[in-house]
Amino acid sequence: MAPTRNQPGQSTPILRAIIEIAFICFLFYSNLLMGEFTHANGEGKDLVFAIKDIFSLTNLLIAVIAALIGYVVFEYLRNKL
């Protein structure tokens, strides 16, 4: 018996988890960028300044931890319902 392959359009659970975690990180950074750009919108402070200000190791750790927690919660709810 030949091994079955995934249907086109289906992704492996690991790939789906990576995509969902990356999307949550994207939402985190876009929200952070909007807040930083709005807060720091002063003289000499532009979009490049805001981007440089939000990309730090601390923000990356917060984004990854929040994304992992969000993924676990949504996966639990997806399986529960």
C-alpha atoms as a PDB file:
ATOM      1  CA  MET A   1       0.000   0.000   0.000  1.00  0.00           C
ATOM      2  CA  ALA A   2       1.443   3.344  -1.062  1.00  0.00           C
ATOM      3  CA  PRO A   3       1.634   6.150   1.482  1.00  0.00           C
ATOM      4  CA  THR A   4      -1.060   8.744   0.992  1.00  0.00           C
ATOM      5  CA  ARG A   5      -0.084  12.297   0.326  1.00  0.00           C
ATOM      6  CA  ASN A   6      -1.852  15.361   1.600  1.00  0.00           C
ATOM      7  CA  GLN A   7      -4.445  16.829  -0.698  1.00  0.00           C
ATOM      8  CA  PRO A   8      -3.462  20.098  -2.379  1.00  0.00           C
ATOM      9  CA  GLY A   9      -4.298  22.949  -0.065  1.00  0.00           C
ATOM     10  CA  GLN A  10      -3.787  20.902   3.095  1.00  0.00           C
ATOM     11  CA  SER A  11      -0.829  21.787   5.248  1.00  0.00           C
ATOM     12  CA  THR A  12       0.908  19.780   7.874  1.00  0.00           C
ATOM     13  CA  PRO A  13       0.073  20.658  11.493  1.00  0.00           C
ATOM     14  CA  ILE A  14       3.575  22.052  12.066  1.00  0.00           C
ATOM     15  CA  LEU A  15       3.393  24.294   9.013  1.00  0.00           C
ATOM     16  CA  ARG A  16      -0.056  25.497  10.058  1.00  0.00           C
ATOM     17  CA  ALA A  17       1.242  26.263  13.565  1.00  0.00           C
ATOM     18  CA  ILE A  18       4.179  28.236  12.170  1.00  0.00           C
ATOM     19  CA  ILE A  19       1.886  30.229   9.882  1.00  0.00           C
ATOM     20  CA  GLU A  20      -0.576  31.017  12.686  1.00  0.00           C
ATOM     21  CA  ILE A  21       2.190  32.028  15.109  1.00  0.00           C
ATOM     22  CA  ALA A  22       3.796  34.229  12.450  1.00  0.00           C
ATOM     23  CA  PHE A  23       0.442  35.880  11.775  1.00  0.00           C
ATOM     24  CA  ILE A  24      -0.074  36.609  15.477  1.00  0.00           C
ATOM     25  CA  CYS A  25       3.437  38.139  15.608  1.00  0.00           C
ATOM     26  CA  PHE A  26       2.568  40.236  12.547  1.00  0.00           C
ATOM     27  CA  LEU A  27      -0.563  41.525  14.274  1.00  0.00           C
ATOM     28  CA  PHE A  28       1.451  42.296  17.418  1.00  0.00           C
ATOM     29  CA  TYR A  29       4.085  44.268  15.522  1.00  0.00           C
ATOM     30  CA  SER A  30       1.563  46.112  13.361  1.00  0.00           C
ATOM     31  CA  ASN A  31      -0.335  47.154  16.493  1.00  0.00           C
ATOM     32  CA  LEU A  32       2.906  48.164  18.200  1.00  0.00           C
ATOM     33  CA  LEU A  33       4.038  50.136  15.155  1.00  0.00           C
ATOM     34  CA  MET A  34       0.743  51.994  14.921  1.00  0.00           C
ATOM     35  CA  GLY A  35       0.888  52.908  18.600  1.00  0.00           C
ATOM     36  CA  GLU A  36       4.530  53.960  18.432  1.00  0.00           C
ATOM     37  CA  PHE A  37       4.022  55.989  15.270  1.00  0.00           C
ATOM     38  CA  THR A  38       1.013  57.756  16.772  1.00  0.00           C
ATOM     39  CA  HIS A  39       2.726  58.349  20.134  1.00  0.00           C
ATOM     40  CA  ALA A  40       6.090  59.463  18.739  1.00  0.00           C
ATOM     41  CA  ASN A  41       4.694  61.621  15.966  1.00  0.00           C
ATOM     42  CA  GLY A  42       6.717  64.702  16.741  1.00  0.00           C
ATOM     43  CA  GLU A  43       9.255  66.843  15.007  1.00  0.00           C
ATOM     44  CA  GLY A  44      11.987  64.733  13.425  1.00  0.00           C
ATOM     45  CA  LYS A  45      10.206  61.481  14.261  1.00  0.00           C
ATOM     46  CA  ASP A  46       8.961  59.596  11.250  1.00  0.00           C
ATOM     47  CA  LEU A  47       8.022  56.056  10.256  1.00  0.00           C
ATOM     48  CA  VAL A  48      11.665  54.924  10.124  1.00  0.00           C
ATOM     49  CA  PHE A  49      12.192  56.145  13.693  1.00  0.00           C
ATOM     50  CA  ALA A  50       9.119  54.223  14.859  1.00  0.00           C
ATOM     51  CA  ILE A  51      10.246  51.045  13.074  1.00  0.00           C
ATOM     52  CA  LYS A  52      13.728  51.253  14.603  1.00  0.00           C
ATOM     53  CA  ASP A  53      12.163  51.820  18.024  1.00  0.00           C
ATOM     54  CA  ILE A  54       9.871  48.754  18.029  1.00  0.00           C
ATOM     55  CA  PHE A  55      12.278  46.076  16.802  1.00  0.00           C
ATOM     56  CA  SER A  56      14.069  44.971  19.949  1.00  0.00           C
ATOM     57  CA  LEU A  57      14.796  41.648  21.605  1.00  0.00           C
ATOM     58  CA  THR A  58      12.280  42.392  24.356  1.00  0.00           C
ATOM     59  CA  ASN A  59       9.481  43.061  21.882  1.00  0.00           C
ATOM     60  CA  LEU A  60      10.406  39.928  19.930  1.00  0.00           C
ATOM     61  CA  LEU A  61      10.218  37.786  23.070  1.00  0.00           C
ATOM     62  CA  ILE A  62       6.873  39.303  24.014  1.00  0.00           C
ATOM     63  CA  ALA A  63       5.533  38.693  20.498  1.00  0.00           C
ATOM     64  CA  VAL A  64       6.673  35.063  20.379  1.00  0.00           C
ATOM     65  CA  ILE A  65       5.396  34.240  23.881  1.00  0.00           C
ATOM     66  CA  ALA A  66       2.056  35.929  23.198  1.00  0.00           C
ATOM     67  CA  ALA A  67       1.807  34.144  19.835  1.00  0.00           C
ATOM     68  CA  LEU A  68       2.479  30.761  21.417  1.00  0.00           C
ATOM     69  CA  ILE A  69      -0.124  31.386  24.114  1.00  0.00           C
ATOM     70  CA  GLY A  70      -2.601  32.577  21.500  1.00  0.00           C
ATOM     71  CA  TYR A  71      -1.949  29.555  19.315  1.00  0.00           C
ATOM     72  CA  VAL A  72      -2.468  27.140  22.207  1.00  0.00           C
ATOM     73  CA  VAL A  73      -5.701  28.856  23.259  1.00  0.00           C
ATOM     74  CA  PHE A  74      -7.125  28.919  19.732  1.00  0.00           C
ATOM     75  CA  GLU A  75      -6.102  25.317  19.092  1.00  0.00           C
ATOM     76  CA  TYR A  76      -7.812  24.275  22.331  1.00  0.00           C
ATOM     77  CA  LEU A  77     -10.963  26.151  21.381  1.00  0.00           C
ATOM     78  CA  ARG A  78     -10.853  24.759  17.845  1.00  0.00           C
ATOM     79  CA  ASN A  79     -10.686  21.182  19.183  1.00  0.00           C
ATOM     80  CA  LYS A  80     -13.225  21.823  21.970  1.00  0.00           C
ATOM     81  CA  LEU A  81     -15.868  23.275  19.684  1.00  0.00           C
END
